[in-house]
PDB file of N, CA and C in Angstrom:
ATOM      1  N   MET A   1     -32.858 -95.567  30.442  1.00  0.00           N
ATOM      2  CA  MET A   1     -34.272 -96.017  29.994  1.00  0.00           C
ATOM      3  C   MET A   1     -33.747 -96.563  28.387  1.00  0.00           C
ATOM      4  N   ASP A   2     -34.004 -97.585  27.785  1.00  0.00           N
ATOM      5  CA  ASP A   2     -33.097 -98.249  26.527  1.00  0.00           C
ATOM      6  C   ASP A   2     -33.620 -97.267  25.559  1.00  0.00           C
ATOM      7  N   GLN A   3     -33.186 -97.861  24.421  1.00  0.00           N
ATOM      8  CA  GLN A   3     -34.194 -97.104  23.218  1.00  0.00           C
ATOM      9  C   GLN A   3     -35.270 -97.710  22.819  1.00  0.00           C
ATOM     10  N   LEU A   4     -35.439 -99.118  22.713  1.00  0.00           N
ATOM     11  CA  LEU A   4     -36.788 -99.276  22.743  1.00  0.00           C
ATOM     12  C   LEU A   4     -38.194 -98.968  23.351  1.00  0.00           C
ATOM     13  N   SER A   5     -37.715 -98.249  24.351  1.00  0.00           N
ATOM     14  CA  SER A   5     -38.540 -98.222  25.713  1.00  0.00           C
ATOM     15  C   SER A   5     -39.119 -96.574  25.337  1.00  0.00           C
ATOM     16  N   GLN A   6     -38.232 -95.840  24.665  1.00  0.00           N
ATOM     17  CA  GLN A   6     -38.415 -94.072  23.831  1.00  0.00           C
ATOM     18  C   GLN A   6     -39.642 -94.876  22.649  1.00  0.00           C
ATOM     19  N   ASN A   7     -40.522 -95.259  22.783  1.00  0.00           N
ATOM     20  CA  ASN A   7     -41.331 -95.678  21.867  1.00  0.00           C
ATOM     21  C   ASN A   7     -42.447 -94.512  21.075  1.00  0.00           C
ATOM     22  N   THR A   8     -42.393 -93.701  22.265  1.00  0.00           N
ATOM     23  CA  THR A   8     -43.700 -92.778  22.088  1.00  0.00           C
ATOM     24  C   THR A   8     -42.905 -91.302  20.869  1.00  0.00           C
ATOM     25  N   GLU A   9     -41.687 -91.192  20.699  1.00  0.00           N
ATOM     26  CA  GLU A   9     -41.882 -90.131  20.245  1.00  0.00           C
ATOM     27  C   GLU A   9     -40.838 -91.001  18.674  1.00  0.00           C
ATOM     28  N   GLU A  10     -40.403 -92.085  18.412  1.00  0.00           N
ATOM     29  CA  GLU A  10     -39.903 -93.295  17.216  1.00  0.00           C
ATOM     30  C   GLU A  10     -40.786 -92.756  16.312  1.00  0.00           C
ATOM     31  N   PRO A  11     -42.127 -93.372  16.448  1.00  0.00           N
ATOM     32  CA  PRO A  11     -43.047 -92.867  14.846  1.00  0.00           C
ATOM     33  C   PRO A  11     -43.113 -91.814  14.520  1.00  0.00           C
ATOM     34  N   ASN A  12     -43.158 -90.841  15.304  1.00  0.00           N
ATOM     35  CA  ASN A  12     -43.062 -89.449  14.869  1.00  0.00           C
ATOM     36  C   ASN A  12     -41.769 -89.133  13.951  1.00  0.00           C
ATOM     37  N   MET A  13     -40.819 -89.566  14.316  1.00  0.00           N
ATOM     38  CA  MET A  13     -38.838 -89.350  13.741  1.00  0.00           C
ATOM     39  C   MET A  13     -39.288 -90.255  12.889  1.00  0.00           C
ATOM     40  N   LEU A  14     -39.631 -91.368  12.805  1.00  0.00           N
ATOM     41  CA  LEU A  14     -39.789 -92.269  11.470  1.00  0.00           C
ATOM     42  C   LEU A  14     -40.802 -91.643  10.144  1.00  0.00           C
ATOM     43  N   LEU A  15     -41.691 -90.868  10.612  1.00  0.00           N
ATOM     44  CA  LEU A  15     -42.452 -89.853   9.957  1.00  0.00           C
ATOM     45  C   LEU A  15     -42.458 -89.006   9.034  1.00  0.00           C
ATOM     46  N   SER A  16     -41.269 -87.815  10.303  1.00  0.00           N
ATOM     47  CA  SER A  16     -41.205 -87.038   9.962  1.00  0.00           C
ATOM     48  C   SER A  16     -39.473 -87.327   8.631  1.00  0.00           C
ATOM     49  N   LYS A  17     -39.188 -88.277   8.603  1.00  0.00           N
ATOM     50  CA  LYS A  17     -37.990 -88.501   7.655  1.00  0.00           C
ATOM     51  C   LYS A  17     -38.764 -89.329   6.118  1.00  0.00           C
ATOM     52  N   THR A  18     -40.105 -89.430   6.277  1.00  0.00           N
ATOM     53  CA  THR A  18     -40.750 -90.514   5.801  1.00  0.00           C
ATOM     54  C   THR A  18     -41.533 -89.589   4.309  1.00  0.00           C
ATOM     55  N   TRP A  19     -41.481 -89.931   2.913  1.00  0.00           N
ATOM     56  CA  TRP A  19     -42.541 -89.150   2.749  1.00  0.00           C
ATOM     57  C   TRP A  19     -43.890 -89.667   2.597  1.00  0.00           C
ATOM     58  N   LEU A  20     -45.236 -88.853   3.076  1.00  0.00           N
ATOM     59  CA  LEU A  20     -46.417 -89.912   2.902  1.00  0.00           C
ATOM     60  C   LEU A  20     -47.525 -88.588   2.861  1.00  0.00           C
ATOM     61  N   PRO A  21     -48.592 -89.090   2.220  1.00  0.00           N
ATOM     62  CA  PRO A  21     -49.947 -88.093   2.104  1.00  0.00           C
ATOM     63  C   PRO A  21     -50.192 -87.487   3.547  1.00  0.00           C
ATOM     64  N   PRO A  22     -50.238 -86.240   3.740  1.00  0.00           N
ATOM     65  CA  PRO A  22     -50.602 -86.011   5.041  1.00  0.00           C
ATOM     66  C   PRO A  22     -51.610 -86.595   6.620  1.00  0.00           C
ATOM     67  N   GLU A  23     -52.535 -87.203   5.000  1.00  0.00           N
ATOM     68  CA  GLU A  23     -53.744 -87.269   5.856  1.00  0.00           C
ATOM     69  C   GLU A  23     -53.295 -88.815   6.255  1.00  0.00           C
ATOM     70  N   VAL A  24     -52.727 -89.416   5.724  1.00  0.00           N
ATOM     71  CA  VAL A  24     -51.419 -90.920   6.179  1.00  0.00           C
ATOM     72  C   VAL A  24     -51.194 -90.416   7.491  1.00  0.00           C
ATOM     73  N   LYS A  25     -50.151 -89.487   7.706  1.00  0.00           N
ATOM     74  CA  LYS A  25     -49.420 -89.137   8.826  1.00  0.00           C
ATOM     75  C   LYS A  25     -49.679 -88.936  10.065  1.00  0.00           C
ATOM     76  N   GLN A  26     -51.049 -88.197   9.614  1.00  0.00           N
ATOM     77  CA  GLN A  26     -51.701 -87.710  10.534  1.00  0.00           C
ATOM     78  C   GLN A  26     -52.625 -89.105  11.658  1.00  0.00           C
ATOM     79  N   ALA A  27     -52.745 -90.006  10.453  1.00  0.00           N
ATOM     80  CA  ALA A  27     -53.963 -91.231  11.041  1.00  0.00           C
ATOM     81  C   ALA A  27     -52.540 -92.165  12.014  1.00  0.00           C
ATOM     82  N   LEU A  28     -51.851 -92.105  11.001  1.00  0.00           N
ATOM     83  CA  LEU A  28     -49.955 -92.752  11.922  1.00  0.00           C
ATOM     84  C   LEU A  28     -50.060 -92.199  13.114  1.00  0.00           C
ATOM     85  N   ILE A  29     -50.005 -90.932  12.905  1.00  0.00           N
ATOM     86  CA  ILE A  29     -49.550 -90.705  14.638  1.00  0.00           C
ATOM     87  C   ILE A  29     -50.413 -90.762  15.519  1.00  0.00           C
ATOM     88  N   ILE A  30     -51.715 -90.431  15.123  1.00  0.00           N
ATOM     89  CA  ILE A  30     -53.005 -90.750  16.087  1.00  0.00           C
ATOM     90  C   ILE A  30     -53.033 -91.963  16.440  1.00  0.00           C
ATOM     91  N   GLU A  31     -52.929 -93.206  15.316  1.00  0.00           N
ATOM     92  CA  GLU A  31     -52.836 -94.641  16.407  1.00  0.00           C
ATOM     93  C   GLU A  31     -51.619 -95.348  17.047  1.00  0.00           C
ATOM     94  N   SER A  32     -50.367 -94.061  16.663  1.00  0.00           N
ATOM     95  CA  SER A  32     -49.070 -94.231  17.478  1.00  0.00           C
ATOM     96  C   SER A  32     -49.466 -94.427  19.162  1.00  0.00           C
ATOM     97  N   ARG A  33     -50.285 -93.083  19.202  1.00  0.00           N
ATOM     98  CA  ARG A  33     -50.529 -92.309  20.640  1.00  0.00           C
ATOM     99  C   ARG A  33     -51.881 -92.981  21.291  1.00  0.00           C
ATOM    100  N   LYS A  34     -52.464 -93.556  20.615  1.00  0.00           N
ATOM    101  CA  LYS A  34     -53.614 -94.491  21.025  1.00  0.00           C
ATOM    102  C   LYS A  34     -53.091 -95.684  21.660  1.00  0.00           C
ATOM    103  N   SER A  35     -51.686 -96.017  20.977  1.00  0.00           N
ATOM    104  CA  SER A  35     -52.049 -97.640  21.627  1.00  0.00           C
ATOM    105  C   SER A  35     -50.249 -97.128  22.408  1.00  0.00           C
ATOM    106  N   GLY A  36     -48.616 -96.750  21.382  1.00  0.00           N
ATOM    107  CA  GLY A  36     -48.326 -96.686  22.420  1.00  0.00           C
ATOM    108  C   GLY A  36     -47.136 -97.788  22.789  1.00  0.00           C
ATOM    109  N   ASP A  37     -47.296 -98.747  22.087  1.00  0.00           N
ATOM    110  CA  ASP A  37     -45.949 -99.979  22.732  1.00  0.00           C
ATOM    111  C   ASP A  37     -45.324-100.439  21.281  1.00  0.00           C
ATOM    112  N   ARG A  38     -44.420-101.239  22.033  1.00  0.00           N
ATOM    113  CA  ARG A  38     -43.866-101.696  20.537  1.00  0.00           C
ATOM    114  C   ARG A  38     -43.980-102.187  19.612  1.00  0.00           C
ATOM    115  N   PHE A  39     -45.027-103.202  20.050  1.00  0.00           N
ATOM    116  CA  PHE A  39     -45.775-103.558  18.851  1.00  0.00           C
ATOM    117  C   PHE A  39     -46.672-102.103  17.790  1.00  0.00           C
ATOM    118  N   ALA A  40     -47.450-101.954  18.330  1.00  0.00           N
ATOM    119  CA  ALA A  40     -47.850-100.826  17.614  1.00  0.00           C
ATOM    120  C   ALA A  40     -46.860-100.218  16.551  1.00  0.00           C
ATOM    121  N   SER A  41     -45.550 -99.675  17.152  1.00  0.00           N
ATOM    122  CA  SER A  41     -44.464 -99.499  16.302  1.00  0.00           C
ATOM    123  C   SER A  41     -43.742-100.136  15.686  1.00  0.00           C
ATOM    124  N   ALA A  42     -44.037-101.234  15.618  1.00  0.00           N
ATOM    125  CA  ALA A  42     -43.713-102.259  14.751  1.00  0.00           C
ATOM    126  C   ALA A  42     -44.733-101.658  13.846  1.00  0.00           C
ATOM    127  N   LEU A  43     -45.467-102.243  14.128  1.00  0.00           N
ATOM    128  CA  LEU A  43     -46.836-102.703  13.093  1.00  0.00           C
ATOM    129  C   LEU A  43     -46.226-100.932  11.973  1.00  0.00           C
ATOM    130  N   MET A  44     -46.682 -99.944  12.580  1.00  0.00           N
ATOM    131  CA  MET A  44     -46.276 -98.557  12.128  1.00  0.00           C
ATOM    132  C   MET A  44     -45.247 -98.542  11.067  1.00  0.00           C
ATOM    133  N   ARG A  45     -44.188 -99.096  11.681  1.00  0.00           N
ATOM    134  CA  ARG A  45     -43.018 -99.079  10.062  1.00  0.00           C
ATOM    135  C   ARG A  45     -43.115-100.510   9.535  1.00  0.00           C
ATOM    136  N   ARG A  46     -44.211-101.069   9.390  1.00  0.00           N
ATOM    137  CA  ARG A  46     -44.359-102.062   8.622  1.00  0.00           C
ATOM    138  C   ARG A  46     -45.077-101.247   7.322  1.00  0.00           C
ATOM    139  N   ILE A  47     -46.161-100.869   7.742  1.00  0.00           N
ATOM    140  CA  ILE A  47     -47.092-100.037   7.013  1.00  0.00           C
ATOM    141  C   ILE A  47     -46.183 -99.061   6.175  1.00  0.00           C
ATOM    142  N   VAL A  48     -45.695 -97.825   6.805  1.00  0.00           N
ATOM    143  CA  VAL A  48     -44.699 -97.381   5.565  1.00  0.00           C
ATOM    144  C   VAL A  48     -44.293 -98.152   4.708  1.00  0.00           C
ATOM    145  N   MET A  49     -43.302 -98.929   5.040  1.00  0.00           N
ATOM    146  CA  MET A  49     -42.193 -99.758   4.509  1.00  0.00           C
ATOM    147  C   MET A  49     -43.009-100.402   2.869  1.00  0.00           C
ATOM    148  N   ASP A  50     -44.738-101.080   3.759  1.00  0.00           N
ATOM    149  CA  ASP A  50     -44.939-101.678   2.415  1.00  0.00           C
ATOM    150  C   ASP A  50     -45.561-100.709   1.742  1.00  0.00           C
ATOM    151  N   TRP A  51     -46.364 -99.631   2.217  1.00  0.00           N
ATOM    152  CA  TRP A  51     -46.755 -98.408   1.392  1.00  0.00           C
ATOM    153  C   TRP A  51     -45.440 -98.571  -0.016  1.00  0.00           C
ATOM    154  N   TYR A  52     -44.775 -97.818   0.588  1.00  0.00           N
ATOM    155  CA  TYR A  52     -43.057 -97.041  -0.108  1.00  0.00           C
ATOM    156  C   TYR A  52     -42.993 -98.221  -1.110  1.00  0.00           C
ATOM    157  N   ARG A  53     -43.105 -99.628  -0.830  1.00  0.00           N
ATOM    158  CA  ARG A  53     -42.342-100.686  -1.659  1.00  0.00           C
ATOM    159  C   ARG A  53     -43.375-100.483  -2.996  1.00  0.00           C
ATOM    160  N   GLU A  54     -44.999-100.277  -2.206  1.00  0.00           N
ATOM    161  CA  GLU A  54     -45.785-100.286  -3.541  1.00  0.00           C
ATOM    162  C   GLU A  54     -45.535 -99.009  -4.887  1.00  0.00           C
ATOM    163  N   LEU A  55     -45.198 -97.933  -3.992  1.00  0.00           N
ATOM    164  CA  LEU A  55     -44.625 -96.361  -5.174  1.00  0.00           C
ATOM    165  C   LEU A  55     -44.135 -96.933  -6.047  1.00  0.00           C
ATOM    166  N   PRO A  56     -44.520 -96.520  -7.521  1.00  0.00           N
ATOM    167  CA  PRO A  56     -43.244 -96.546  -8.758  1.00  0.00           C
ATOM    168  C   PRO A  56     -41.785 -96.532  -8.579  1.00  0.00           C
ATOM    169  N   LYS A  57     -41.251 -96.709  -8.840  1.00  0.00           N
ATOM    170  CA  LYS A  57     -39.287 -96.702  -8.414  1.00  0.00           C
ATOM    171  C   LYS A  57     -39.064 -95.373  -8.962  1.00  0.00           C
ATOM    172  N   GLU A  58     -39.503 -94.911  -9.743  1.00  0.00           N
ATOM    173  CA  GLU A  58     -39.127 -93.580  -9.977  1.00  0.00           C
ATOM    174  C   GLU A  58     -39.623 -92.682  -8.634  1.00  0.00           C
ATOM    175  N   GLU A  59     -40.473 -92.928  -8.763  1.00  0.00           N
ATOM    176  CA  GLU A  59     -41.258 -91.954  -7.597  1.00  0.00           C
ATOM    177  C   GLU A  59     -40.051 -92.015  -6.497  1.00  0.00           C
ATOM    178  N   ASN A  60     -40.059 -93.084  -5.759  1.00  0.00           N
ATOM    179  CA  ASN A  60     -39.038 -93.816  -4.355  1.00  0.00           C
ATOM    180  C   ASN A  60     -38.059 -92.940  -4.534  1.00  0.00           C
ATOM    181  N   GLU A  61     -37.127 -92.889  -5.964  1.00  0.00           N
ATOM    182  CA  GLU A  61     -36.260 -91.971  -5.775  1.00  0.00           C
ATOM    183  C   GLU A  61     -36.268 -90.888  -5.690  1.00  0.00           C
ATOM    184  N   ASN A  62     -37.239 -90.373  -5.918  1.00  0.00           N
ATOM    185  CA  ASN A  62     -37.563 -88.771  -5.729  1.00  0.00           C
ATOM    186  C   ASN A  62     -37.868 -88.207  -4.562  1.00  0.00           C
ATOM    187  N   LYS A  63     -38.758 -88.985  -3.620  1.00  0.00           N
ATOM    188  CA  LYS A  63     -38.580 -89.063  -2.554  1.00  0.00           C
ATOM    189  C   LYS A  63     -37.295 -89.017  -1.217  1.00  0.00           C
ATOM    190  N   LEU A  64     -36.804 -90.225  -1.880  1.00  0.00           N
ATOM    191  CA  LEU A  64     -35.344 -89.942  -1.282  1.00  0.00           C
ATOM    192  C   LEU A  64     -34.627 -88.844  -1.304  1.00  0.00           C
ATOM    193  N   LYS A  65     -34.917 -88.355  -2.850  1.00  0.00           N
ATOM    194  CA  LYS A  65     -33.662 -87.462  -2.803  1.00  0.00           C
ATOM    195  C   LYS A  65     -33.976 -86.113  -2.042  1.00  0.00           C
ATOM    196  N   VAL A  66     -35.834 -85.941  -2.051  1.00  0.00           N
ATOM    197  CA  VAL A  66     -36.004 -84.944  -1.622  1.00  0.00           C
ATOM    198  C   VAL A  66     -35.857 -84.442  -0.256  1.00  0.00           C
ATOM    199  N   ALA A  67     -36.162 -86.007   0.753  1.00  0.00           N
ATOM    200  CA  ALA A  67     -36.157 -86.083   1.739  1.00  0.00           C
ATOM    201  C   ALA A  67     -34.304 -86.003   2.212  1.00  0.00           C
ATOM    202  N   ALA A  68     -33.346 -86.262   1.587  1.00  0.00           N
ATOM    203  CA  ALA A  68     -32.278 -86.404   1.657  1.00  0.00           C
ATOM    204  C   ALA A  68     -31.738 -84.802   2.146  1.00  0.00           C
TER     205      ALA A  68
END
């Protein structure tokens, strides 16, 4: 089984390494479990990264330090 086909765990792994409000994480996990296809995983990554880019720069750096 290739890595791309193991998409059911990938969103949760991504979310565990990403700082997001708990309600946002929960909504994304629920959506990924409902659909479970590669498109949904890619879409979720895009949503997370778009949300992350909108944070102030100092806040991004602080979140990265906490996550590391």
